[in-house]
Structure formats: C-alpha cells, structure tokens
All heavy atoms as atom14 arrays in JSON, in Angstrom:
{
  "sequence": "YLQMNSLKPEDTAVYYCASHKNSWFNPMGVGREADFGSWGQGT",
  "atom14_mask": [
    [1, 1, 1, 1, 1, 1, 1, 1, 1, 1, 1, 1, 0, 0],
    [1, 1, 1, 1, 1, 1, 1, 1, 0, 0, 0, 0, 0, 0],
    [1, 1, 1, 1, 1, 1, 1, 1, 1, 0, 0, 0, 0, 0],
    [1, 1, 1, 1, 1, 1, 1, 1, 0, 0, 0, 0, 0, 0],
    [1, 1, 1, 1, 1, 1, 1, 1, 0, 0, 0, 0, 0, 0],
    [1, 1, 1, 1, 1, 1, 0, 0, 0, 0, 0, 0, 0, 0],
    [1, 1, 1, 1, 1, 1, 1, 1, 0, 0, 0, 0, 0, 0],
    [1, 1, 1, 1, 1, 1, 1, 1, 1, 0, 0, 0, 0, 0],
    [1, 1, 1, 1, 1, 1, 1, 0, 0, 0, 0, 0, 0, 0],
    [1, 1, 1, 1, 1, 1, 1, 1, 1, 0, 0, 0, 0, 0],
    [1, 1, 1, 1, 1, 1, 1, 1, 0, 0, 0, 0, 0, 0],
    [1, 1, 1, 1, 1, 1, 1, 0, 0, 0, 0, 0, 0, 0],
    [1, 1, 1, 1, 1, 0, 0, 0, 0, 0, 0, 0, 0, 0],
    [1, 1, 1, 1, 1, 1, 1, 0, 0, 0, 0, 0, 0, 0],
    [1, 1, 1, 1, 1, 1, 1, 1, 1, 1, 1, 1, 0, 0],
    [1, 1, 1, 1, 1, 1, 1, 1, 1, 1, 1, 1, 0, 0],
    [1, 1, 1, 1, 1, 1, 0, 0, 0, 0, 0, 0, 0, 0],
    [1, 1, 1, 1, 1, 0, 0, 0, 0, 0, 0, 0, 0, 0],
    [1, 1, 1, 1, 1, 1, 0, 0, 0, 0, 0, 0, 0, 0],
    [1, 1, 1, 1, 1, 1, 1, 1, 1, 1, 0, 0, 0, 0],
    [1, 1, 1, 1, 1, 1, 1, 1, 1, 0, 0, 0, 0, 0],
    [1, 1, 1, 1, 1, 1, 1, 1, 0, 0, 0, 0, 0, 0],
    [1, 1, 1, 1, 1, 1, 0, 0, 0, 0, 0, 0, 0, 0],
    [1, 1, 1, 1, 1, 1, 1, 1, 1, 1, 1, 1, 1, 1],
    [1, 1, 1, 1, 1, 1, 1, 1, 1, 1, 1, 0, 0, 0],
    [1, 1, 1, 1, 1, 1, 1, 1, 0, 0, 0, 0, 0, 0],
    [1, 1, 1, 1, 1, 1, 1, 0, 0, 0, 0, 0, 0, 0],
    [1, 1, 1, 1, 1, 1, 1, 1, 0, 0, 0, 0, 0, 0],
    [1, 1, 1, 1, 0, 0, 0, 0, 0, 0, 0, 0, 0, 0],
    [1, 1, 1, 1, 1, 1, 1, 0, 0, 0, 0, 0, 0, 0],
    [1, 1, 1, 1, 0, 0, 0, 0, 0, 0, 0, 0, 0, 0],
    [1, 1, 1, 1, 1, 1, 1, 1, 1, 1, 1, 0, 0, 0],
    [1, 1, 1, 1, 1, 1, 1, 1, 1, 0, 0, 0, 0, 0],
    [1, 1, 1, 1, 1, 0, 0, 0, 0, 0, 0, 0, 0, 0],
    [1, 1, 1, 1, 1, 1, 1, 1, 0, 0, 0, 0, 0, 0],
    [1, 1, 1, 1, 1, 1, 1, 1, 1, 1, 1, 0, 0, 0],
    [1, 1, 1, 1, 0, 0, 0, 0, 0, 0, 0, 0, 0, 0],
    [1, 1, 1, 1, 1, 1, 0, 0, 0, 0, 0, 0, 0, 0],
    [1, 1, 1, 1, 1, 1, 1, 1, 1, 1, 1, 1, 1, 1],
    [1, 1, 1, 1, 0, 0, 0, 0, 0, 0, 0, 0, 0, 0],
    [1, 1, 1, 1, 1, 1, 1, 1, 1, 0, 0, 0, 0, 0],
    [1, 1, 1, 1, 0, 0, 0, 0, 0, 0, 0, 0, 0, 0],
    [1, 1, 1, 1, 1, 1, 1, 0, 0, 0, 0, 0, 0, 0]
  ],
  "atom14_positions": [
    [[15.24, 124.16, 96.53], [16.02, 123.6, 95.41], [16.86, 122.43, 95.87], [17.2, 122.32, 97.07], [16.96, 124.65, 94.82], [16.26, 125.91, 94.37], [16.24, 127.05, 95.19], [15.64, 125.99, 93.13], [15.6, 128.21, 94.78], [15.02, 127.17, 92.72], [15.0, 128.25, 93.55], [14.38, 129.4, 93.14], [0.0, 0.0, 0.0], [0.0, 0.0, 0.0]],
    [[17.2, 121.57, 94.92], [18.2, 120.53, 95.19], [19.13, 120.5, 94.0], [18.75, 120.08, 92.9], [17.53, 119.15, 95.36], [18.46, 118.01, 95.77], [19.01, 118.26, 97.18], [17.79, 116.66, 95.68], [0.0, 0.0, 0.0], [0.0, 0.0, 0.0], [0.0, 0.0, 0.0], [0.0, 0.0, 0.0], [0.0, 0.0, 0.0], [0.0, 0.0, 0.0]],
    [[20.35, 120.99, 94.2], [21.38, 120.96, 93.19], [22.09, 119.6, 93.3], [22.64, 119.28, 94.39], [22.37, 122.1, 93.38], [23.51, 122.1, 92.39], [23.07, 122.36, 90.98], [22.29, 123.25, 90.7], [23.6, 121.56, 90.02], [0.0, 0.0, 0.0], [0.0, 0.0, 0.0], [0.0, 0.0, 0.0], [0.0, 0.0, 0.0], [0.0, 0.0, 0.0]],
    [[22.09, 118.88, 92.21], [22.68, 117.54, 92.23], [23.84, 117.47, 91.24], [23.62, 117.65, 90.03], [21.63, 116.49, 91.86], [20.37, 116.54, 92.74], [19.21, 115.21, 92.38], [18.72, 115.64, 90.71], [0.0, 0.0, 0.0], [0.0, 0.0, 0.0], [0.0, 0.0, 0.0], [0.0, 0.0, 0.0], [0.0, 0.0, 0.0], [0.0, 0.0, 0.0]],
    [[25.03, 117.26, 91.76], [26.23, 117.17, 90.95], [26.82, 115.78, 91.02], [26.49, 114.99, 91.91], [27.26, 118.2, 91.42], [26.76, 119.62, 91.28], [26.0, 119.97, 90.4], [27.24, 120.48, 92.17], [0.0, 0.0, 0.0], [0.0, 0.0, 0.0], [0.0, 0.0, 0.0], [0.0, 0.0, 0.0], [0.0, 0.0, 0.0], [0.0, 0.0, 0.0]],
    [[27.71, 115.48, 90.11], [28.39, 114.18, 90.07], [27.39, 113.03, 90.21], [27.57, 112.09, 91.05], [29.42, 114.1, 91.2], [30.39, 115.14, 91.09], [0.0, 0.0, 0.0], [0.0, 0.0, 0.0], [0.0, 0.0, 0.0], [0.0, 0.0, 0.0], [0.0, 0.0, 0.0], [0.0, 0.0, 0.0], [0.0, 0.0, 0.0], [0.0, 0.0, 0.0]],
    [[26.35, 113.08, 89.44], [25.28, 112.09, 89.57], [25.75, 110.71, 89.17], [26.61, 110.53, 88.32], [24.11, 112.5, 88.68], [23.25, 113.6, 89.31], [22.38, 114.31, 88.24], [22.36, 113.06, 90.41], [0.0, 0.0, 0.0], [0.0, 0.0, 0.0], [0.0, 0.0, 0.0], [0.0, 0.0, 0.0], [0.0, 0.0, 0.0], [0.0, 0.0, 0.0]],
    [[25.19, 109.72, 89.89], [25.52, 108.32, 89.69], [24.26, 107.55, 89.3], [23.14, 107.98, 89.6], [26.05, 107.72, 90.99], [27.22, 108.46, 91.57], [27.6, 107.89, 92.93], [28.76, 108.61, 93.57], [29.12, 108.05, 94.88], [0.0, 0.0, 0.0], [0.0, 0.0, 0.0], [0.0, 0.0, 0.0], [0.0, 0.0, 0.0], [0.0, 0.0, 0.0]],
    [[24.39, 106.43, 88.6], [23.2, 105.65, 88.26], [22.35, 105.3, 89.47], [21.11, 105.24, 89.36], [23.8, 104.39, 87.61], [25.08, 104.86, 87.01], [25.61, 105.88, 87.99], [0.0, 0.0, 0.0], [0.0, 0.0, 0.0], [0.0, 0.0, 0.0], [0.0, 0.0, 0.0], [0.0, 0.0, 0.0], [0.0, 0.0, 0.0], [0.0, 0.0, 0.0]],
    [[22.96, 105.11, 90.61], [22.2, 104.79, 91.82], [21.41, 105.97, 92.38], [20.62, 105.78, 93.32], [23.12, 104.21, 92.93], [24.34, 105.05, 93.24], [25.56, 104.55, 92.5], [25.47, 104.22, 91.27], [26.65, 104.53, 93.12], [0.0, 0.0, 0.0], [0.0, 0.0, 0.0], [0.0, 0.0, 0.0], [0.0, 0.0, 0.0], [0.0, 0.0, 0.0]],
    [[21.56, 107.15, 91.78], [20.72, 108.27, 92.15], [19.41, 108.28, 91.41], [18.54, 109.11, 91.68], [21.45, 109.6, 91.86], [22.67, 109.81, 92.72], [22.6, 109.52, 93.92], [23.71, 110.29, 92.17], [0.0, 0.0, 0.0], [0.0, 0.0, 0.0], [0.0, 0.0, 0.0], [0.0, 0.0, 0.0], [0.0, 0.0, 0.0], [0.0, 0.0, 0.0]],
    [[19.22, 107.35, 90.5], [17.99, 107.24, 89.74], [16.84, 106.94, 90.67], [16.85, 106.0, 91.44], [18.1, 106.12, 88.68], [19.06, 106.5, 87.68], [16.75, 105.9, 87.99], [0.0, 0.0, 0.0], [0.0, 0.0, 0.0], [0.0, 0.0, 0.0], [0.0, 0.0, 0.0], [0.0, 0.0, 0.0], [0.0, 0.0, 0.0], [0.0, 0.0, 0.0]],
    [[15.81, 107.8, 90.62], [14.67, 107.71, 91.52], [13.64, 108.77, 91.2], [13.93, 109.69, 90.4], [15.13, 107.85, 92.98], [0.0, 0.0, 0.0], [0.0, 0.0, 0.0], [0.0, 0.0, 0.0], [0.0, 0.0, 0.0], [0.0, 0.0, 0.0], [0.0, 0.0, 0.0], [0.0, 0.0, 0.0], [0.0, 0.0, 0.0], [0.0, 0.0, 0.0]],
    [[12.49, 108.65, 91.8], [11.53, 109.76, 91.83], [11.85, 110.6, 93.05], [11.96, 110.05, 94.16], [10.08, 109.26, 91.88], [9.11, 110.45, 91.97], [9.77, 108.41, 90.66], [0.0, 0.0, 0.0], [0.0, 0.0, 0.0], [0.0, 0.0, 0.0], [0.0, 0.0, 0.0], [0.0, 0.0, 0.0], [0.0, 0.0, 0.0], [0.0, 0.0, 0.0]],
    [[12.05, 111.86, 92.84], [12.4, 112.79, 93.96], [11.2, 113.59, 94.36], [10.48, 114.16, 93.53], [13.52, 113.73, 93.47], [14.89, 113.04, 93.46], [15.17, 112.1, 92.48], [15.84, 113.33, 94.39], [16.39, 111.43, 92.43], [17.09, 112.68, 94.37], [17.33, 111.74, 93.4], [18.58, 111.09, 93.42], [0.0, 0.0, 0.0], [0.0, 0.0, 0.0]],
    [[10.99, 113.63, 95.68], [9.85, 114.31, 96.27], [10.32, 115.39, 97.21], [11.26, 115.18, 98.0], [9.0, 113.33, 97.09], [8.41, 112.18, 96.32], [9.13, 110.99, 96.2], [7.15, 112.25, 95.77], [8.59, 109.91, 95.49], [6.62, 111.18, 95.06], [7.34, 110.02, 94.93], [6.81, 108.99, 94.24], [0.0, 0.0, 0.0], [0.0, 0.0, 0.0]],
    [[9.67, 116.54, 97.17], [9.91, 117.51, 98.22], [8.78, 117.42, 99.23], [7.68, 116.96, 98.93], [10.03, 118.94, 97.69], [8.51, 119.68, 97.06], [0.0, 0.0, 0.0], [0.0, 0.0, 0.0], [0.0, 0.0, 0.0], [0.0, 0.0, 0.0], [0.0, 0.0, 0.0], [0.0, 0.0, 0.0], [0.0, 0.0, 0.0], [0.0, 0.0, 0.0]],
    [[9.05, 117.84, 100.47], [8.11, 117.71, 101.53], [8.28, 118.86, 102.53], [9.38, 119.36, 102.7], [8.28, 116.39, 102.24], [0.0, 0.0, 0.0], [0.0, 0.0, 0.0], [0.0, 0.0, 0.0], [0.0, 0.0, 0.0], [0.0, 0.0, 0.0], [0.0, 0.0, 0.0], [0.0, 0.0, 0.0], [0.0, 0.0, 0.0], [0.0, 0.0, 0.0]],
    [[7.17, 119.24, 103.11], [7.16, 120.33, 104.1], [6.92, 119.74, 105.49], [6.06, 118.87, 105.69], [6.05, 121.3, 103.75], [5.93, 122.32, 104.72], [0.0, 0.0, 0.0], [0.0, 0.0, 0.0], [0.0, 0.0, 0.0], [0.0, 0.0, 0.0], [0.0, 0.0, 0.0], [0.0, 0.0, 0.0], [0.0, 0.0, 0.0], [0.0, 0.0, 0.0]],
    [[7.7, 120.23, 106.45], [7.55, 119.71, 107.82], [6.15, 120.02, 108.38], [5.52, 121.0, 108.01], [8.62, 120.35, 108.73], [8.9, 119.54, 109.96], [8.13, 119.62, 111.08], [9.87, 118.63, 110.21], [8.61, 118.79, 112.0], [9.67, 118.17, 111.48], [0.0, 0.0, 0.0], [0.0, 0.0, 0.0], [0.0, 0.0, 0.0], [0.0, 0.0, 0.0]],
    [[5.69, 119.16, 109.27], [4.36, 119.33, 109.85], [4.27, 120.51, 110.77], [3.21, 121.17, 110.88], [3.99, 118.07, 110.64], [3.7, 116.85, 109.83], [3.34, 115.69, 110.73], [2.97, 114.44, 109.95], [2.68, 113.29, 110.81], [0.0, 0.0, 0.0], [0.0, 0.0, 0.0], [0.0, 0.0, 0.0], [0.0, 0.0, 0.0], [0.0, 0.0, 0.0]],
    [[5.36, 120.86, 111.46], [5.36, 121.92, 112.46], [6.09, 123.15, 112.02], [7.23, 123.1, 111.53], [5.99, 121.36, 113.75], [5.29, 120.12, 114.27], [4.06, 120.06, 114.3], [6.06, 119.11, 114.69], [0.0, 0.0, 0.0], [0.0, 0.0, 0.0], [0.0, 0.0, 0.0], [0.0, 0.0, 0.0], [0.0, 0.0, 0.0], [0.0, 0.0, 0.0]],
    [[5.45, 124.28, 112.23], [6.09, 125.54, 111.9], [7.16, 125.91, 112.91], [7.1, 125.47, 114.08], [5.04, 126.65, 111.79], [4.34, 126.78, 113.03], [0.0, 0.0, 0.0], [0.0, 0.0, 0.0], [0.0, 0.0, 0.0], [0.0, 0.0, 0.0], [0.0, 0.0, 0.0], [0.0, 0.0, 0.0], [0.0, 0.0, 0.0], [0.0, 0.0, 0.0]],
    [[8.1, 126.7, 112.5], [9.18, 127.21, 113.34], [9.9, 126.09, 114.07], [10.37, 126.25, 115.22], [8.66, 128.24, 114.34], [7.83, 129.3, 113.73], [6.51, 129.55, 113.92], [8.27, 130.27, 112.75], [6.1, 130.6, 113.14], [7.14, 131.08, 112.43], [9.49, 130.58, 112.13], [7.22, 132.12, 111.53], [9.55, 131.61, 111.22], [8.45, 132.38, 110.91]],
    [[10.01, 124.91, 113.45], [10.7, 123.79, 114.02], [11.7, 123.25, 113.02], [11.4, 123.1, 111.84], [9.71, 122.67, 114.35], [10.35, 121.43, 114.93], [10.64, 121.35, 116.3], [10.69, 120.34, 114.12], [11.26, 120.22, 116.81], [11.31, 119.21, 114.61], [11.58, 119.15, 115.98], [0.0, 0.0, 0.0], [0.0, 0.0, 0.0], [0.0, 0.0, 0.0]],
    [[12.92, 122.98, 113.5], [13.94, 122.48, 112.6], [14.33, 121.06, 112.96], [14.69, 120.79, 114.12], [15.2, 123.36, 112.67], [14.97, 124.71, 112.04], [14.3, 124.83, 111.0], [15.54, 125.73, 112.64], [0.0, 0.0, 0.0], [0.0, 0.0, 0.0], [0.0, 0.0, 0.0], [0.0, 0.0, 0.0], [0.0, 0.0, 0.0], [0.0, 0.0, 0.0]],
    [[14.19, 120.1, 112.04], [14.53, 118.72, 112.34], [16.03, 118.55, 112.56], [16.84, 119.36, 112.07], [14.06, 117.97, 111.11], [14.06, 118.97, 110.01], [13.75, 120.28, 110.66], [0.0, 0.0, 0.0], [0.0, 0.0, 0.0], [0.0, 0.0, 0.0], [0.0, 0.0, 0.0], [0.0, 0.0, 0.0], [0.0, 0.0, 0.0], [0.0, 0.0, 0.0]],
    [[16.38, 117.5, 113.27], [17.79, 117.2, 113.52], [18.08, 115.81, 112.93], [17.26, 114.92, 113.01], [18.07, 117.17, 115.03], [17.73, 118.48, 115.73], [18.92, 119.79, 115.39], [20.34, 119.19, 116.33], [0.0, 0.0, 0.0], [0.0, 0.0, 0.0], [0.0, 0.0, 0.0], [0.0, 0.0, 0.0], [0.0, 0.0, 0.0], [0.0, 0.0, 0.0]],
    [[19.24, 115.63, 112.37], [19.64, 114.33, 111.89], [18.84, 113.89, 110.67], [18.25, 114.71, 109.94], [0.0, 0.0, 0.0], [0.0, 0.0, 0.0], [0.0, 0.0, 0.0], [0.0, 0.0, 0.0], [0.0, 0.0, 0.0], [0.0, 0.0, 0.0], [0.0, 0.0, 0.0], [0.0, 0.0, 0.0], [0.0, 0.0, 0.0], [0.0, 0.0, 0.0]],
    [[18.82, 112.6, 110.45], [18.13, 112.04, 109.28], [16.64, 112.34, 109.34], [16.0, 112.13, 110.35], [18.36, 110.52, 109.22], [17.54, 109.9, 108.09], [19.85, 110.19, 109.08], [0.0, 0.0, 0.0], [0.0, 0.0, 0.0], [0.0, 0.0, 0.0], [0.0, 0.0, 0.0], [0.0, 0.0, 0.0], [0.0, 0.0, 0.0], [0.0, 0.0, 0.0]],
    [[16.13, 112.88, 108.26], [14.71, 113.22, 108.24], [13.81, 112.0, 108.22], [14.14, 110.99, 107.59], [0.0, 0.0, 0.0], [0.0, 0.0, 0.0], [0.0, 0.0, 0.0], [0.0, 0.0, 0.0], [0.0, 0.0, 0.0], [0.0, 0.0, 0.0], [0.0, 0.0, 0.0], [0.0, 0.0, 0.0], [0.0, 0.0, 0.0], [0.0, 0.0, 0.0]],
    [[12.72, 112.08, 108.91], [11.73, 110.98, 109.0], [10.5, 111.38, 108.22], [9.98, 112.47, 108.38], [11.36, 110.7, 110.44], [12.54, 110.33, 111.34], [12.03, 109.9, 112.72], [11.1, 110.89, 113.28], [10.23, 110.62, 114.22], [10.14, 109.4, 114.72], [9.44, 111.57, 114.71], [0.0, 0.0, 0.0], [0.0, 0.0, 0.0], [0.0, 0.0, 0.0]],
    [[10.02, 110.46, 107.38], [8.84, 110.71, 106.58], [7.66, 111.16, 107.44], [6.91, 112.08, 107.05], [8.44, 109.48, 105.79], [9.29, 109.18, 104.59], [8.66, 108.11, 103.72], [7.51, 108.28, 103.33], [9.35, 107.12, 103.43], [0.0, 0.0, 0.0], [0.0, 0.0, 0.0], [0.0, 0.0, 0.0], [0.0, 0.0, 0.0], [0.0, 0.0, 0.0]],
    [[7.52, 110.57, 108.59], [6.36, 110.86, 109.44], [6.33, 112.29, 109.94], [5.26, 112.77, 110.35], [6.34, 109.88, 110.63], [0.0, 0.0, 0.0], [0.0, 0.0, 0.0], [0.0, 0.0, 0.0], [0.0, 0.0, 0.0], [0.0, 0.0, 0.0], [0.0, 0.0, 0.0], [0.0, 0.0, 0.0], [0.0, 0.0, 0.0], [0.0, 0.0, 0.0]],
    [[7.45, 112.99, 109.9], [7.54, 114.37, 110.36], [7.13, 115.37, 109.29], [6.98, 116.56, 109.58], [8.95, 114.69, 110.83], [9.31, 113.94, 112.11], [8.41, 113.57, 112.86], [10.52, 113.73, 112.32], [0.0, 0.0, 0.0], [0.0, 0.0, 0.0], [0.0, 0.0, 0.0], [0.0, 0.0, 0.0], [0.0, 0.0, 0.0], [0.0, 0.0, 0.0]],
    [[6.93, 114.9, 108.08], [6.63, 115.78, 106.97], [5.23, 115.53, 106.46], [4.88, 114.4, 106.11], [7.69, 115.61, 105.85], [9.05, 116.09, 106.27], [9.88, 115.25, 106.99], [9.45, 117.37, 105.99], [11.12, 115.7, 107.41], [10.71, 117.83, 106.42], [11.55, 116.98, 107.13], [0.0, 0.0, 0.0], [0.0, 0.0, 0.0], [0.0, 0.0, 0.0]],
    [[4.39, 116.58, 106.5], [2.97, 116.33, 106.28], [2.46, 116.66, 104.89], [1.39, 116.2, 104.52], [0.0, 0.0, 0.0], [0.0, 0.0, 0.0], [0.0, 0.0, 0.0], [0.0, 0.0, 0.0], [0.0, 0.0, 0.0], [0.0, 0.0, 0.0], [0.0, 0.0, 0.0], [0.0, 0.0, 0.0], [0.0, 0.0, 0.0], [0.0, 0.0, 0.0]],
    [[3.21, 117.43, 104.12], [2.78, 117.77, 102.77], [3.83, 117.33, 101.78], [5.06, 117.58, 102.01], [2.57, 119.28, 102.64], [1.53, 119.71, 103.51], [0.0, 0.0, 0.0], [0.0, 0.0, 0.0], [0.0, 0.0, 0.0], [0.0, 0.0, 0.0], [0.0, 0.0, 0.0], [0.0, 0.0, 0.0], [0.0, 0.0, 0.0], [0.0, 0.0, 0.0]],
    [[3.4, 116.73, 100.68], [4.3, 116.13, 99.7], [3.93, 116.58, 98.3], [2.75, 116.74, 97.98], [4.27, 114.62, 99.8], [4.75, 114.05, 101.08], [4.06, 114.0, 102.27], [6.05, 113.53, 101.34], [4.85, 113.45, 103.23], [6.09, 113.15, 102.69], [7.18, 113.32, 100.56], [7.22, 112.58, 103.3], [8.3, 112.75, 101.15], [8.3, 112.37, 102.51]],
    [[4.94, 116.73, 97.46], [4.69, 116.96, 96.06], [4.39, 115.63, 95.33], [4.41, 114.56, 95.94], [0.0, 0.0, 0.0], [0.0, 0.0, 0.0], [0.0, 0.0, 0.0], [0.0, 0.0, 0.0], [0.0, 0.0, 0.0], [0.0, 0.0, 0.0], [0.0, 0.0, 0.0], [0.0, 0.0, 0.0], [0.0, 0.0, 0.0], [0.0, 0.0, 0.0]],
    [[4.18, 115.74, 94.03], [3.84, 114.54, 93.24], [5.1, 113.81, 92.76], [4.99, 112.69, 92.28], [3.0, 114.98, 92.02], [3.79, 115.5, 90.83], [4.42, 116.87, 91.05], [4.1, 117.54, 92.01], [5.29, 117.26, 90.13], [0.0, 0.0, 0.0], [0.0, 0.0, 0.0], [0.0, 0.0, 0.0], [0.0, 0.0, 0.0], [0.0, 0.0, 0.0]],
    [[6.25, 114.46, 92.89], [7.49, 113.81, 92.51], [7.93, 114.17, 91.13], [7.13, 114.5, 90.26], [0.0, 0.0, 0.0], [0.0, 0.0, 0.0], [0.0, 0.0, 0.0], [0.0, 0.0, 0.0], [0.0, 0.0, 0.0], [0.0, 0.0, 0.0], [0.0, 0.0, 0.0], [0.0, 0.0, 0.0], [0.0, 0.0, 0.0], [0.0, 0.0, 0.0]],
    [[9.28, 114.09, 90.92], [9.84, 114.32, 89.6], [10.89, 113.24, 89.34], [11.7, 112.92, 90.22], [10.44, 115.73, 89.47], [10.88, 115.95, 88.13], [11.6, 115.96, 90.41], [0.0, 0.0, 0.0], [0.0, 0.0, 0.0], [0.0, 0.0, 0.0], [0.0, 0.0, 0.0], [0.0, 0.0, 0.0], [0.0, 0.0, 0.0], [0.0, 0.0, 0.0]]
  ]
}
C-alpha cells in the first residue's frame, strides 16, 4: 500500500509499484529502477 496524505499538485503522476529482483534482500537508500524487475501498469 501507499497511503498519501496532504497531497500537492506536484504529486500528480502515474504511480507504479515494483518488486525487487532479488529475494530476501532489502535495498538501502534511494531505490534504483534497475534493482526492481517486475512492474505494474501504473495508476
């Protein structure tokens, strides 16, 4: 889930969820697209 409060006009976008490529691995810091291998179609 992504709970979004106090929304601003600059939050306008297509939002995508993604699953990391590697199991049992937790990313650190800012997420990189290249580390996520499966993507939804967006909302």
